[in-house]
Amino acid sequence: MTSETTILDFQISNMFEQYESHMNAEEQQSMFKEMGVKAFYIGKSLDDPQRATLIFQRPENVLSDIFMNPETKPIVEAKGIFMRGQK
């Protein structure tokens, strides 16, 4: 299985601290492990409290499967994640 490193820069609908708490929760971390995410970093924008950056390694196509799939996209957006761009 091929692994990719991804950097995401995106808007969140809540404040960074709330989002960070959610992302670091045991349930969320468990989901990442199940998805094959090997490294995880969440960073706060110094200019915008409703913007975050994620860096992680994952199996190929996991990101597009989650963010673009019509079944999971509404769930992701309901959690406050709105893609601004992907590098």
Protein backbone atom coordinates (compact mmCIF):
# COMPACT_ATOMS: atom_id res chain seq x y z
CA MET A 1 0.00 0.00 0.00
CA THR A 2 1.35 3.42 -0.99
CA SER A 3 1.45 6.15 1.63
CA GLU A 4 1.11 9.88 0.95
CA THR A 5 1.93 12.90 3.09
CA THR A 6 -0.81 15.50 2.97
CA ILE A 7 -0.95 19.13 4.09
CA LEU A 8 -4.43 20.62 4.42
CA ASP A 9 -5.24 24.28 5.04
CA PHE A 10 -8.93 24.82 5.74
CA GLN A 11 -11.63 26.89 7.42
CA ILE A 12 -13.46 25.51 10.46
CA SER A 13 -16.87 26.62 11.63
CA ASN A 14 -15.91 26.74 15.31
CA MET A 15 -12.92 28.15 17.19
CA PHE A 16 -9.58 26.38 16.82
CA GLU A 17 -9.45 25.23 20.45
CA GLN A 18 -12.80 23.43 20.08
CA TYR A 19 -11.68 21.83 16.84
CA GLU A 20 -8.32 20.79 18.29
CA SER A 21 -10.04 19.20 21.27
CA HIS A 22 -12.33 17.24 18.96
CA MET A 23 -9.45 16.10 16.74
CA ASN A 24 -7.36 14.94 19.72
CA ALA A 25 -10.24 13.04 21.34
CA GLU A 26 -9.70 9.31 21.80
CA GLU A 27 -12.58 8.44 19.44
CA GLN A 28 -11.18 10.61 16.64
CA GLN A 29 -7.64 9.31 17.12
CA SER A 30 -9.00 5.77 17.01
CA MET A 31 -10.68 6.53 13.69
CA PHE A 32 -7.39 7.90 12.28
CA LYS A 33 -5.58 4.73 13.34
CA GLU A 34 -8.28 2.61 11.68
CA MET A 35 -7.89 4.66 8.48
CA GLY A 36 -4.14 4.06 8.47
CA VAL A 37 -3.06 7.60 9.37
CA LYS A 38 0.56 7.32 10.55
CA ALA A 39 1.47 10.87 11.52
CA PHE A 40 -0.77 13.67 12.64
CA TYR A 41 -0.22 17.37 13.32
CA ILE A 42 -2.79 20.12 13.76
CA GLY A 43 -1.71 23.75 13.64
CA LYS A 44 -3.47 27.00 14.41
CA SER A 45 -3.42 29.99 12.10
CA LEU A 46 -1.92 33.02 13.81
CA ASP A 47 -4.15 35.33 11.76
CA ASP A 48 -7.48 33.49 11.76
CA PRO A 49 -8.89 31.56 14.77
CA GLN A 50 -11.20 29.68 12.42
CA ARG A 51 -8.46 28.27 10.21
CA ALA A 52 -6.37 25.15 10.76
CA THR A 53 -3.58 23.21 9.07
CA LEU A 54 -3.27 19.43 9.22
CA ILE A 55 -0.24 17.37 8.22
CA PHE A 56 -0.48 13.59 8.11
CA GLN A 57 0.61 10.44 6.32
CA ARG A 58 -2.08 8.17 5.04
CA PRO A 59 -2.80 5.48 2.48
CA GLU A 60 -3.47 6.74 -1.04
CA ASN A 61 -6.98 8.07 -1.77
CA VAL A 62 -8.17 8.06 1.88
CA LEU A 63 -8.53 11.85 1.80
CA SER A 64 -10.52 12.04 -1.42
CA ASP A 65 -12.68 9.14 -0.27
CA ILE A 66 -13.61 11.04 2.90
CA PHE A 67 -13.87 14.63 1.64
CA MET A 68 -15.38 14.00 -1.79
CA ASN A 69 -17.67 11.02 -1.17
CA PRO A 70 -21.31 12.24 -1.22
CA GLU A 71 -22.03 10.04 1.82
CA THR A 72 -19.20 11.30 4.06
CA LYS A 73 -18.77 14.90 2.85
CA PRO A 74 -21.87 16.17 4.77
CA ILE A 75 -20.58 14.46 7.95
CA VAL A 76 -17.16 16.10 7.59
CA GLU A 77 -18.72 19.51 6.96
CA ALA A 78 -21.10 19.07 9.91
CA LYS A 79 -18.03 18.67 12.12
CA GLY A 80 -16.87 22.12 11.03
CA ILE A 81 -14.39 21.32 8.28
CA PHE A 82 -14.59 23.35 5.10
CA MET A 83 -11.80 22.75 2.60
CA ARG A 84 -10.01 25.86 1.46
CA GLY A 85 -7.27 24.17 -0.48
CA GLN A 86 -5.03 21.15 -0.54
CA LYS A 87 -1.30 21.13 -1.07
